[in-house]
N, C-alpha and C. Protein backbone atom coordinates (compact mmCIF):
# COMPACT_ATOMS: atom_id res chain seq x y z
N MET A 1 -17.62 -14.84 -5.57
CA MET A 1 -17.67 -14.32 -4.20
C MET A 1 -18.99 -13.58 -4.02
N THR A 2 -19.75 -13.95 -3.05
CA THR A 2 -21.06 -13.34 -2.87
C THR A 2 -21.02 -12.09 -2.02
N GLY A 3 -20.21 -12.06 -1.00
CA GLY A 3 -20.11 -10.87 -0.15
C GLY A 3 -18.68 -10.39 -0.10
N VAL A 4 -18.50 -9.14 0.19
CA VAL A 4 -17.15 -8.57 0.26
C VAL A 4 -16.96 -8.00 1.65
N GLY A 5 -16.02 -8.57 2.40
CA GLY A 5 -15.72 -8.07 3.74
C GLY A 5 -14.69 -6.96 3.65
N VAL A 6 -15.11 -5.74 3.88
CA VAL A 6 -14.20 -4.60 3.79
C VAL A 6 -13.70 -4.26 5.18
N PRO A 7 -12.38 -4.23 5.38
CA PRO A 7 -11.85 -3.87 6.69
C PRO A 7 -12.35 -2.49 7.15
N TRP A 8 -12.50 -2.34 8.44
CA TRP A 8 -13.03 -1.11 9.01
C TRP A 8 -12.25 0.11 8.56
N THR A 9 -10.91 0.02 8.57
CA THR A 9 -10.07 1.18 8.20
C THR A 9 -10.33 1.59 6.76
N VAL A 10 -10.45 0.64 5.86
CA VAL A 10 -10.71 0.93 4.45
C VAL A 10 -12.10 1.56 4.31
N ARG A 11 -13.07 0.99 5.01
CA ARG A 11 -14.44 1.52 4.97
C ARG A 11 -14.46 2.97 5.47
N ALA A 12 -13.80 3.24 6.59
CA ALA A 12 -13.78 4.59 7.16
C ALA A 12 -13.09 5.58 6.22
N LYS A 13 -11.98 5.17 5.59
CA LYS A 13 -11.29 6.07 4.67
C LYS A 13 -12.14 6.36 3.44
N ALA A 14 -12.82 5.33 2.93
CA ALA A 14 -13.68 5.54 1.75
C ALA A 14 -14.77 6.56 2.06
N VAL A 15 -15.39 6.42 3.21
CA VAL A 15 -16.45 7.36 3.61
C VAL A 15 -15.85 8.76 3.80
N ALA A 16 -14.67 8.83 4.42
CA ALA A 16 -14.04 10.13 4.70
C ALA A 16 -13.69 10.89 3.43
N VAL A 17 -13.36 10.18 2.35
CA VAL A 17 -13.00 10.87 1.10
C VAL A 17 -14.17 10.97 0.13
N GLY A 18 -15.38 10.64 0.62
CA GLY A 18 -16.57 10.78 -0.21
C GLY A 18 -16.79 9.65 -1.20
N ALA A 19 -16.26 8.47 -0.89
CA ALA A 19 -16.38 7.32 -1.79
C ALA A 19 -17.27 6.22 -1.24
N ALA A 20 -18.32 6.60 -0.50
CA ALA A 20 -19.24 5.60 0.03
C ALA A 20 -19.88 4.79 -1.09
N HIS A 21 -20.12 5.43 -2.23
CA HIS A 21 -20.68 4.71 -3.38
C HIS A 21 -19.79 3.55 -3.81
N TRP A 22 -18.47 3.72 -3.69
CA TRP A 22 -17.52 2.66 -4.04
C TRP A 22 -17.75 1.43 -3.17
N LEU A 23 -18.01 1.66 -1.89
CA LEU A 23 -18.29 0.55 -0.98
C LEU A 23 -19.53 -0.22 -1.44
N ASP A 24 -20.57 0.52 -1.85
CA ASP A 24 -21.80 -0.12 -2.33
C ASP A 24 -21.56 -0.92 -3.60
N GLU A 25 -20.68 -0.41 -4.47
CA GLU A 25 -20.42 -1.04 -5.76
C GLU A 25 -19.35 -2.12 -5.71
N LEU A 26 -18.65 -2.23 -4.58
CA LEU A 26 -17.53 -3.16 -4.47
C LEU A 26 -17.88 -4.61 -4.79
N PRO A 27 -18.98 -5.17 -4.29
CA PRO A 27 -19.28 -6.56 -4.63
C PRO A 27 -19.42 -6.80 -6.14
N SER A 28 -20.08 -5.90 -6.85
CA SER A 28 -20.23 -6.08 -8.29
C SER A 28 -18.90 -5.85 -9.01
N LEU A 29 -18.06 -4.94 -8.52
CA LEU A 29 -16.74 -4.71 -9.10
C LEU A 29 -15.86 -5.96 -8.94
N VAL A 30 -15.87 -6.53 -7.75
CA VAL A 30 -15.09 -7.76 -7.50
C VAL A 30 -15.58 -8.87 -8.42
N ALA A 31 -16.89 -9.06 -8.52
CA ALA A 31 -17.44 -10.12 -9.38
C ALA A 31 -17.05 -9.91 -10.84
N ALA A 32 -17.10 -8.67 -11.31
CA ALA A 32 -16.73 -8.37 -12.70
C ALA A 32 -15.26 -8.69 -12.95
N LEU A 33 -14.40 -8.32 -12.01
CA LEU A 33 -12.97 -8.58 -12.18
C LEU A 33 -12.66 -10.08 -12.09
N GLU A 34 -13.40 -10.80 -11.26
CA GLU A 34 -13.22 -12.25 -11.21
C GLU A 34 -13.48 -12.85 -12.60
N ARG A 35 -14.53 -12.39 -13.27
CA ARG A 35 -14.85 -12.88 -14.62
C ARG A 35 -13.80 -12.44 -15.63
N GLU A 36 -13.49 -11.14 -15.63
CA GLU A 36 -12.58 -10.58 -16.63
C GLU A 36 -11.16 -11.10 -16.50
N TRP A 37 -10.69 -11.29 -15.28
CA TRP A 37 -9.31 -11.70 -15.06
C TRP A 37 -9.19 -13.18 -14.72
N SER A 38 -10.28 -13.92 -14.87
CA SER A 38 -10.28 -15.38 -14.66
C SER A 38 -9.63 -15.77 -13.33
N CYS A 39 -10.21 -15.26 -12.26
CA CYS A 39 -9.69 -15.55 -10.94
C CYS A 39 -10.85 -15.69 -9.96
N SER A 40 -10.56 -16.26 -8.81
CA SER A 40 -11.57 -16.31 -7.75
C SER A 40 -10.97 -15.71 -6.48
N VAL A 41 -11.75 -14.85 -5.86
CA VAL A 41 -11.30 -14.11 -4.69
C VAL A 41 -11.43 -14.97 -3.45
N GLY A 42 -10.40 -14.91 -2.61
CA GLY A 42 -10.39 -15.65 -1.35
C GLY A 42 -10.32 -14.71 -0.17
N ARG A 43 -9.35 -14.97 0.70
CA ARG A 43 -9.19 -14.24 1.96
C ARG A 43 -8.95 -12.76 1.72
N VAL A 44 -9.71 -11.93 2.45
CA VAL A 44 -9.53 -10.47 2.42
C VAL A 44 -8.45 -10.12 3.43
N TYR A 45 -7.57 -9.19 3.08
CA TYR A 45 -6.50 -8.74 3.97
C TYR A 45 -7.12 -7.77 4.99
N ALA A 46 -7.27 -8.24 6.21
CA ALA A 46 -7.92 -7.45 7.25
C ALA A 46 -7.11 -6.23 7.67
N ASP A 47 -5.80 -6.23 7.40
CA ASP A 47 -4.96 -5.11 7.81
C ASP A 47 -4.74 -4.09 6.70
N ALA A 48 -5.47 -4.20 5.59
CA ALA A 48 -5.36 -3.22 4.51
C ALA A 48 -5.84 -1.86 5.03
N THR A 49 -5.26 -0.79 4.46
CA THR A 49 -5.61 0.55 4.93
C THR A 49 -6.06 1.49 3.81
N GLU A 50 -5.58 1.29 2.60
CA GLU A 50 -5.84 2.24 1.51
C GLU A 50 -6.63 1.63 0.36
N ALA A 51 -6.96 0.33 0.47
CA ALA A 51 -7.60 -0.36 -0.64
C ALA A 51 -8.24 -1.65 -0.13
N PHE A 52 -9.17 -2.17 -0.92
CA PHE A 52 -9.66 -3.53 -0.69
C PHE A 52 -8.61 -4.46 -1.28
N VAL A 53 -8.06 -5.36 -0.46
CA VAL A 53 -7.00 -6.25 -0.90
C VAL A 53 -7.38 -7.67 -0.51
N ALA A 54 -7.25 -8.60 -1.47
CA ALA A 54 -7.63 -9.98 -1.19
C ALA A 54 -6.76 -10.95 -1.98
N ASP A 55 -6.54 -12.13 -1.41
CA ASP A 55 -5.89 -13.20 -2.15
C ASP A 55 -6.83 -13.63 -3.27
N VAL A 56 -6.24 -13.99 -4.40
CA VAL A 56 -7.02 -14.59 -5.48
C VAL A 56 -6.26 -15.79 -6.00
N THR A 57 -7.02 -16.68 -6.63
CA THR A 57 -6.42 -17.82 -7.31
C THR A 57 -6.79 -17.68 -8.78
N LEU A 58 -5.77 -17.70 -9.64
CA LEU A 58 -6.00 -17.60 -11.07
C LEU A 58 -6.51 -18.94 -11.60
N ASP A 59 -7.10 -18.93 -12.77
CA ASP A 59 -7.68 -20.16 -13.33
C ASP A 59 -6.71 -21.33 -13.36
N GLY A 60 -5.46 -21.10 -13.61
CA GLY A 60 -4.47 -22.19 -13.65
C GLY A 60 -4.03 -22.64 -12.27
N GLY A 61 -4.54 -21.98 -11.21
CA GLY A 61 -4.17 -22.34 -9.85
C GLY A 61 -3.09 -21.46 -9.23
N ALA A 62 -2.53 -20.53 -10.01
CA ALA A 62 -1.48 -19.66 -9.48
C ALA A 62 -2.06 -18.65 -8.49
N PRO A 63 -1.33 -18.40 -7.40
CA PRO A 63 -1.79 -17.41 -6.43
C PRO A 63 -1.48 -15.99 -6.91
N ALA A 64 -2.35 -15.05 -6.55
CA ALA A 64 -2.15 -13.64 -6.87
C ALA A 64 -2.89 -12.82 -5.82
N VAL A 65 -2.87 -11.52 -5.99
CA VAL A 65 -3.54 -10.59 -5.07
C VAL A 65 -4.33 -9.59 -5.90
N LEU A 66 -5.56 -9.33 -5.48
CA LEU A 66 -6.39 -8.30 -6.09
C LEU A 66 -6.37 -7.09 -5.17
N LYS A 67 -6.10 -5.92 -5.76
CA LYS A 67 -6.09 -4.67 -4.99
C LYS A 67 -6.99 -3.68 -5.70
N LEU A 68 -8.00 -3.18 -4.97
CA LEU A 68 -8.94 -2.18 -5.50
C LEU A 68 -8.79 -0.93 -4.66
N MET A 69 -8.21 0.10 -5.27
CA MET A 69 -7.89 1.31 -4.53
C MET A 69 -9.14 2.17 -4.32
N ILE A 70 -9.21 2.80 -3.15
CA ILE A 70 -10.30 3.72 -2.85
C ILE A 70 -10.23 4.87 -3.84
N PRO A 71 -11.31 5.17 -4.56
CA PRO A 71 -11.27 6.31 -5.47
C PRO A 71 -11.15 7.61 -4.68
N ARG A 72 -10.25 8.45 -5.11
CA ARG A 72 -10.04 9.74 -4.45
C ARG A 72 -9.37 10.69 -5.41
N ASP A 73 -9.34 11.97 -5.02
CA ASP A 73 -8.64 12.96 -5.84
C ASP A 73 -7.15 12.62 -5.88
N GLY A 74 -6.51 13.04 -6.92
CA GLY A 74 -5.08 12.81 -7.03
C GLY A 74 -4.78 11.65 -7.96
N ASP A 75 -3.50 11.32 -8.00
CA ASP A 75 -3.03 10.32 -8.95
C ASP A 75 -2.51 9.07 -8.26
N ALA A 76 -3.02 8.73 -7.09
CA ALA A 76 -2.48 7.59 -6.34
C ALA A 76 -2.50 6.31 -7.15
N ALA A 77 -3.63 5.98 -7.78
CA ALA A 77 -3.72 4.74 -8.56
C ALA A 77 -2.77 4.78 -9.75
N ALA A 78 -2.77 5.90 -10.47
CA ALA A 78 -1.90 6.02 -11.64
C ALA A 78 -0.43 5.93 -11.24
N HIS A 79 -0.06 6.56 -10.12
CA HIS A 79 1.32 6.51 -9.66
C HIS A 79 1.71 5.09 -9.27
N GLU A 80 0.83 4.39 -8.56
CA GLU A 80 1.16 3.03 -8.14
C GLU A 80 1.30 2.11 -9.34
N ILE A 81 0.39 2.21 -10.28
CA ILE A 81 0.46 1.38 -11.48
C ILE A 81 1.72 1.68 -12.27
N THR A 82 2.04 2.95 -12.45
CA THR A 82 3.25 3.34 -13.18
C THR A 82 4.50 2.81 -12.49
N ALA A 83 4.59 2.99 -11.18
CA ALA A 83 5.76 2.52 -10.44
C ALA A 83 5.91 1.01 -10.55
N LEU A 84 4.81 0.28 -10.43
CA LEU A 84 4.88 -1.19 -10.54
C LEU A 84 5.25 -1.63 -11.95
N ARG A 85 4.73 -0.95 -12.95
CA ARG A 85 5.09 -1.29 -14.34
C ARG A 85 6.58 -1.06 -14.56
N LEU A 86 7.08 0.08 -14.10
CA LEU A 86 8.50 0.39 -14.29
C LEU A 86 9.41 -0.55 -13.51
N ALA A 87 9.01 -0.93 -12.31
CA ALA A 87 9.82 -1.82 -11.47
C ALA A 87 9.88 -3.23 -12.06
N GLY A 88 8.82 -3.65 -12.70
CA GLY A 88 8.81 -4.97 -13.33
C GLY A 88 9.09 -6.11 -12.36
N GLY A 89 8.67 -5.97 -11.12
CA GLY A 89 8.88 -7.03 -10.13
C GLY A 89 10.19 -6.94 -9.36
N THR A 90 11.02 -5.95 -9.66
CA THR A 90 12.27 -5.77 -8.92
C THR A 90 11.99 -4.96 -7.65
N GLY A 91 12.10 -5.61 -6.51
CA GLY A 91 11.88 -4.94 -5.24
C GLY A 91 10.42 -4.85 -4.82
N CYS A 92 9.52 -5.37 -5.63
CA CYS A 92 8.09 -5.34 -5.30
C CYS A 92 7.37 -6.41 -6.12
N ALA A 93 6.10 -6.57 -5.83
CA ALA A 93 5.30 -7.56 -6.56
C ALA A 93 5.18 -7.17 -8.03
N ARG A 94 5.15 -8.18 -8.90
CA ARG A 94 4.93 -7.94 -10.33
C ARG A 94 3.47 -7.57 -10.56
N LEU A 95 3.25 -6.60 -11.42
CA LEU A 95 1.91 -6.20 -11.82
C LEU A 95 1.48 -7.12 -12.97
N LEU A 96 0.45 -7.92 -12.73
CA LEU A 96 0.00 -8.88 -13.73
C LEU A 96 -1.04 -8.28 -14.67
N GLN A 97 -1.96 -7.51 -14.12
CA GLN A 97 -3.01 -6.84 -14.89
C GLN A 97 -3.39 -5.58 -14.14
N TYR A 98 -4.00 -4.64 -14.85
CA TYR A 98 -4.51 -3.45 -14.17
C TYR A 98 -5.62 -2.83 -14.98
N ASP A 99 -6.45 -2.06 -14.29
CA ASP A 99 -7.51 -1.27 -14.90
C ASP A 99 -7.50 0.06 -14.16
N LEU A 100 -6.85 1.06 -14.76
CA LEU A 100 -6.69 2.35 -14.10
C LEU A 100 -8.03 3.00 -13.79
N ALA A 101 -8.98 2.93 -14.71
CA ALA A 101 -10.28 3.59 -14.51
C ALA A 101 -10.99 3.06 -13.26
N ARG A 102 -10.78 1.81 -12.93
CA ARG A 102 -11.42 1.21 -11.75
C ARG A 102 -10.47 1.08 -10.57
N GLY A 103 -9.23 1.57 -10.71
CA GLY A 103 -8.26 1.49 -9.62
C GLY A 103 -7.97 0.06 -9.22
N ALA A 104 -7.97 -0.85 -10.20
CA ALA A 104 -7.83 -2.29 -9.94
C ALA A 104 -6.45 -2.78 -10.37
N LEU A 105 -5.83 -3.54 -9.49
CA LEU A 105 -4.52 -4.13 -9.78
C LEU A 105 -4.57 -5.61 -9.45
N LEU A 106 -4.01 -6.43 -10.33
CA LEU A 106 -3.81 -7.85 -10.07
C LEU A 106 -2.32 -8.03 -9.94
N LEU A 107 -1.88 -8.48 -8.76
CA LEU A 107 -0.46 -8.51 -8.42
C LEU A 107 0.02 -9.93 -8.11
N GLU A 108 1.29 -10.13 -8.33
CA GLU A 108 1.95 -11.35 -7.88
C GLU A 108 1.79 -11.45 -6.36
N ARG A 109 1.51 -12.65 -5.87
CA ARG A 109 1.43 -12.82 -4.41
C ARG A 109 2.81 -13.18 -3.88
N LEU A 110 3.27 -12.42 -2.92
CA LEU A 110 4.57 -12.64 -2.30
C LEU A 110 4.39 -13.48 -1.04
N GLY A 111 5.43 -13.57 -0.24
CA GLY A 111 5.37 -14.35 1.00
C GLY A 111 4.65 -13.62 2.11
N PRO A 112 4.86 -14.07 3.34
CA PRO A 112 4.19 -13.44 4.48
C PRO A 112 4.62 -11.99 4.68
N ALA A 113 3.76 -11.22 5.34
CA ALA A 113 4.06 -9.83 5.66
C ALA A 113 5.21 -9.78 6.67
N LEU A 114 6.00 -8.71 6.60
CA LEU A 114 7.10 -8.55 7.56
C LEU A 114 6.60 -8.61 9.00
N SER A 115 5.41 -8.08 9.22
CA SER A 115 4.86 -8.06 10.58
C SER A 115 4.59 -9.47 11.10
N GLU A 116 4.50 -10.45 10.22
CA GLU A 116 4.23 -11.83 10.63
C GLU A 116 5.51 -12.63 10.89
N LEU A 117 6.66 -12.05 10.64
CA LEU A 117 7.93 -12.78 10.75
C LEU A 117 8.59 -12.68 12.11
N GLY A 118 8.03 -11.86 12.99
CA GLY A 118 8.59 -11.74 14.33
C GLY A 118 9.90 -10.95 14.39
N LEU A 119 10.14 -10.13 13.39
CA LEU A 119 11.36 -9.32 13.37
C LEU A 119 11.18 -8.05 14.20
N PRO A 120 12.25 -7.57 14.83
CA PRO A 120 12.16 -6.29 15.55
C PRO A 120 11.80 -5.17 14.56
N ILE A 121 11.14 -4.16 15.06
CA ILE A 121 10.67 -3.06 14.21
C ILE A 121 11.83 -2.39 13.48
N ALA A 122 12.96 -2.22 14.13
CA ALA A 122 14.11 -1.58 13.47
C ALA A 122 14.57 -2.41 12.28
N ARG A 123 14.56 -3.73 12.40
CA ARG A 123 14.96 -4.59 11.28
C ARG A 123 13.94 -4.49 10.14
N ARG A 124 12.66 -4.44 10.47
CA ARG A 124 11.63 -4.29 9.43
C ARG A 124 11.81 -2.97 8.69
N HIS A 125 12.10 -1.89 9.44
CA HIS A 125 12.34 -0.59 8.80
C HIS A 125 13.54 -0.66 7.86
N GLU A 126 14.61 -1.32 8.29
CA GLU A 126 15.79 -1.46 7.43
C GLU A 126 15.44 -2.19 6.14
N ILE A 127 14.68 -3.27 6.24
CA ILE A 127 14.28 -4.04 5.05
C ILE A 127 13.43 -3.19 4.12
N LEU A 128 12.45 -2.50 4.68
CA LEU A 128 11.58 -1.66 3.86
C LEU A 128 12.36 -0.55 3.16
N CYS A 129 13.30 0.04 3.86
CA CYS A 129 14.08 1.13 3.26
C CYS A 129 15.05 0.60 2.20
N THR A 130 15.59 -0.58 2.40
CA THR A 130 16.45 -1.19 1.39
C THR A 130 15.66 -1.44 0.12
N VAL A 131 14.46 -1.96 0.27
CA VAL A 131 13.59 -2.21 -0.89
C VAL A 131 13.22 -0.89 -1.56
N ALA A 132 12.89 0.13 -0.77
CA ALA A 132 12.52 1.42 -1.34
C ALA A 132 13.66 2.00 -2.16
N ARG A 133 14.88 1.84 -1.68
CA ARG A 133 16.04 2.35 -2.43
C ARG A 133 16.19 1.64 -3.78
N ARG A 134 15.83 0.35 -3.83
CA ARG A 134 15.91 -0.39 -5.10
C ARG A 134 14.82 0.06 -6.07
N VAL A 135 13.65 0.35 -5.52
CA VAL A 135 12.52 0.72 -6.38
C VAL A 135 12.62 2.18 -6.81
N TRP A 136 13.01 3.07 -5.91
CA TRP A 136 13.11 4.50 -6.24
C TRP A 136 14.39 4.75 -7.01
N ARG A 137 14.27 4.78 -8.29
CA ARG A 137 15.41 5.06 -9.16
C ARG A 137 14.95 6.07 -10.21
N PRO A 138 15.87 6.72 -10.88
CA PRO A 138 15.45 7.72 -11.86
C PRO A 138 14.50 7.13 -12.91
N ALA A 139 13.43 7.83 -13.14
CA ALA A 139 12.44 7.44 -14.15
C ALA A 139 11.89 8.72 -14.76
N PRO A 140 12.73 9.42 -15.52
CA PRO A 140 12.31 10.71 -16.06
C PRO A 140 11.12 10.58 -17.01
N ASP A 141 10.34 11.64 -17.03
CA ASP A 141 9.21 11.76 -17.98
C ASP A 141 8.16 10.66 -17.85
N CYS A 142 7.98 10.14 -16.64
CA CYS A 142 6.96 9.10 -16.46
C CYS A 142 5.78 9.60 -15.63
N GLY A 143 5.87 10.83 -15.13
CA GLY A 143 4.77 11.40 -14.36
C GLY A 143 4.83 11.11 -12.87
N LEU A 144 5.87 10.44 -12.40
CA LEU A 144 5.99 10.13 -10.97
C LEU A 144 6.82 11.21 -10.26
N PRO A 145 6.53 11.44 -8.96
CA PRO A 145 7.38 12.36 -8.21
C PRO A 145 8.78 11.75 -8.07
N THR A 146 9.79 12.61 -7.92
CA THR A 146 11.15 12.11 -7.72
C THR A 146 11.28 11.50 -6.33
N GLY A 147 12.35 10.75 -6.12
CA GLY A 147 12.62 10.20 -4.80
C GLY A 147 12.78 11.30 -3.76
N ALA A 148 13.42 12.40 -4.16
CA ALA A 148 13.60 13.53 -3.24
C ALA A 148 12.25 14.13 -2.87
N ASP A 149 11.37 14.29 -3.85
CA ASP A 149 10.02 14.81 -3.58
C ASP A 149 9.29 13.88 -2.61
N LYS A 150 9.35 12.59 -2.87
CA LYS A 150 8.67 11.61 -2.02
C LYS A 150 9.28 11.61 -0.62
N GLY A 151 10.61 11.73 -0.53
CA GLY A 151 11.27 11.79 0.77
C GLY A 151 10.82 12.99 1.59
N ARG A 152 10.73 14.15 0.93
CA ARG A 152 10.25 15.36 1.63
C ARG A 152 8.81 15.17 2.09
N TRP A 153 7.98 14.59 1.22
CA TRP A 153 6.58 14.35 1.60
C TRP A 153 6.50 13.39 2.77
N LEU A 154 7.28 12.30 2.73
CA LEU A 154 7.26 11.32 3.82
C LEU A 154 7.73 11.93 5.13
N THR A 155 8.79 12.74 5.08
CA THR A 155 9.27 13.39 6.29
C THR A 155 8.19 14.26 6.91
N ALA A 156 7.54 15.07 6.08
CA ALA A 156 6.46 15.94 6.58
C ALA A 156 5.30 15.09 7.10
N PHE A 157 4.95 14.03 6.38
CA PHE A 157 3.84 13.18 6.79
C PHE A 157 4.13 12.49 8.12
N ILE A 158 5.32 11.89 8.23
CA ILE A 158 5.68 11.18 9.46
C ILE A 158 5.67 12.15 10.64
N THR A 159 6.26 13.32 10.47
CA THR A 159 6.33 14.30 11.55
C THR A 159 4.93 14.76 11.97
N LYS A 160 4.08 15.08 10.98
CA LYS A 160 2.72 15.54 11.28
C LYS A 160 1.91 14.42 11.93
N ALA A 161 1.97 13.22 11.37
CA ALA A 161 1.21 12.10 11.92
C ALA A 161 1.64 11.81 13.36
N PHE A 162 2.94 11.87 13.59
CA PHE A 162 3.45 11.62 14.93
C PHE A 162 2.93 12.66 15.91
N LYS A 163 3.02 13.92 15.54
CA LYS A 163 2.58 14.98 16.44
C LYS A 163 1.08 14.95 16.65
N ASP A 164 0.31 14.63 15.59
CA ASP A 164 -1.15 14.58 15.68
C ASP A 164 -1.64 13.39 16.50
N LYS A 165 -0.92 12.30 16.43
CA LYS A 165 -1.41 11.05 17.01
C LYS A 165 -0.57 10.53 18.16
N LEU A 166 0.25 11.35 18.75
CA LEU A 166 1.17 10.90 19.79
C LEU A 166 0.47 10.07 20.86
N GLY A 167 -0.65 10.52 21.32
CA GLY A 167 -1.35 9.80 22.38
C GLY A 167 -1.95 8.48 21.93
N GLN A 168 -2.07 8.28 20.61
CA GLN A 168 -2.69 7.05 20.10
C GLN A 168 -1.69 6.01 19.64
N LEU A 169 -0.39 6.35 19.66
CA LEU A 169 0.60 5.40 19.18
C LEU A 169 0.67 4.18 20.09
N ALA A 170 0.67 3.02 19.47
CA ALA A 170 0.80 1.78 20.23
C ALA A 170 2.24 1.30 20.04
N LEU A 171 3.09 1.67 20.97
CA LEU A 171 4.50 1.33 20.86
C LEU A 171 4.84 0.20 21.82
N ARG A 172 5.76 -0.65 21.39
CA ARG A 172 6.26 -1.68 22.30
C ARG A 172 7.06 -0.99 23.40
N SER A 173 7.22 -1.67 24.51
CA SER A 173 7.87 -1.05 25.66
C SER A 173 9.33 -0.69 25.39
N ASP A 174 9.99 -1.34 24.41
CA ASP A 174 11.39 -1.04 24.16
C ASP A 174 11.58 0.05 23.10
N GLU A 175 10.51 0.71 22.69
CA GLU A 175 10.61 1.76 21.69
C GLU A 175 10.15 3.08 22.30
N SER A 176 10.93 4.11 22.12
CA SER A 176 10.51 5.42 22.61
C SER A 176 9.83 6.17 21.47
N PRO A 177 8.80 6.96 21.77
CA PRO A 177 8.13 7.73 20.71
C PRO A 177 9.10 8.60 19.92
N THR A 178 10.03 9.25 20.60
CA THR A 178 10.99 10.11 19.91
C THR A 178 11.87 9.28 18.99
N GLY A 179 12.30 8.12 19.44
CA GLY A 179 13.14 7.25 18.62
C GLY A 179 12.44 6.79 17.37
N VAL A 180 11.16 6.45 17.46
CA VAL A 180 10.39 6.03 16.29
C VAL A 180 10.30 7.16 15.27
N LEU A 181 10.00 8.37 15.74
CA LEU A 181 9.91 9.52 14.84
C LEU A 181 11.26 9.78 14.17
N GLU A 182 12.32 9.82 14.95
CA GLU A 182 13.64 10.09 14.38
C GLU A 182 14.06 9.01 13.41
N GLN A 183 13.78 7.75 13.75
CA GLN A 183 14.15 6.65 12.86
C GLN A 183 13.38 6.74 11.54
N GLY A 184 12.10 7.03 11.60
CA GLY A 184 11.30 7.16 10.38
C GLY A 184 11.81 8.26 9.48
N CYS A 185 12.11 9.40 10.05
CA CYS A 185 12.63 10.53 9.27
C CYS A 185 14.02 10.23 8.74
N GLU A 186 14.85 9.56 9.52
CA GLU A 186 16.21 9.24 9.08
C GLU A 186 16.18 8.27 7.92
N PHE A 187 15.25 7.34 7.89
CA PHE A 187 15.18 6.37 6.81
C PHE A 187 14.78 7.02 5.49
N VAL A 188 13.98 8.07 5.52
CA VAL A 188 13.61 8.71 4.26
C VAL A 188 14.68 9.69 3.79
N GLY A 189 15.66 9.94 4.61
CA GLY A 189 16.76 10.79 4.17
C GLY A 189 17.60 11.26 5.33
N PRO A 190 18.89 10.91 5.37
CA PRO A 190 19.75 11.36 6.46
C PRO A 190 19.68 12.88 6.63
N GLY A 191 19.64 13.30 7.88
CA GLY A 191 19.61 14.72 8.17
C GLY A 191 18.25 15.36 8.02
N ARG A 192 17.21 14.54 7.79
CA ARG A 192 15.87 15.11 7.60
C ARG A 192 14.99 14.89 8.83
N GLY A 193 15.60 14.76 9.97
CA GLY A 193 14.84 14.52 11.20
C GLY A 193 13.81 15.59 11.47
N PRO A 194 12.99 15.41 12.50
CA PRO A 194 11.92 16.35 12.79
C PRO A 194 12.45 17.75 13.07
N ARG A 195 11.70 18.72 12.59
CA ARG A 195 12.09 20.11 12.77
C ARG A 195 11.06 20.85 13.56
């Protein structure tokens, strides 16, 4: 792959967290991983938000996905890799290879995104929450936050994001802003609605 098309949202987040150098180094990182993991990069996921994500084809012809996380403070890459290793493909894509130091993951390619299936938003939320319940299970001494910790964080995040961005939400005409907020908080834990 000669050039790397980075979605605007990913580019903006990288710059915002002080990782502009990562954007400059991305083409050489992608090329190195293509060699090391015997794959060729194809279509870039234009709707990615937290990482450079692209379809890849492995040397034997099998489809996969390359995910290169934006370097930032915290343990986001380590947590994602640990969760995927522990899940072993149950409720999420299988982790085929990873390089924690470079925030690189090679993942099983799944089917189309839920947003491409034409399902109502409430049904998509139900599916996502069902999957989350399968993946979030006790995993003591692995360094991951508990499901309760993650639920509290998500509730706070959803509430803050909603209040901060109310005027920017693009909602379908059959969805009320209050209903979306309440539904999001309810999915991360009954009784944890906005306060």
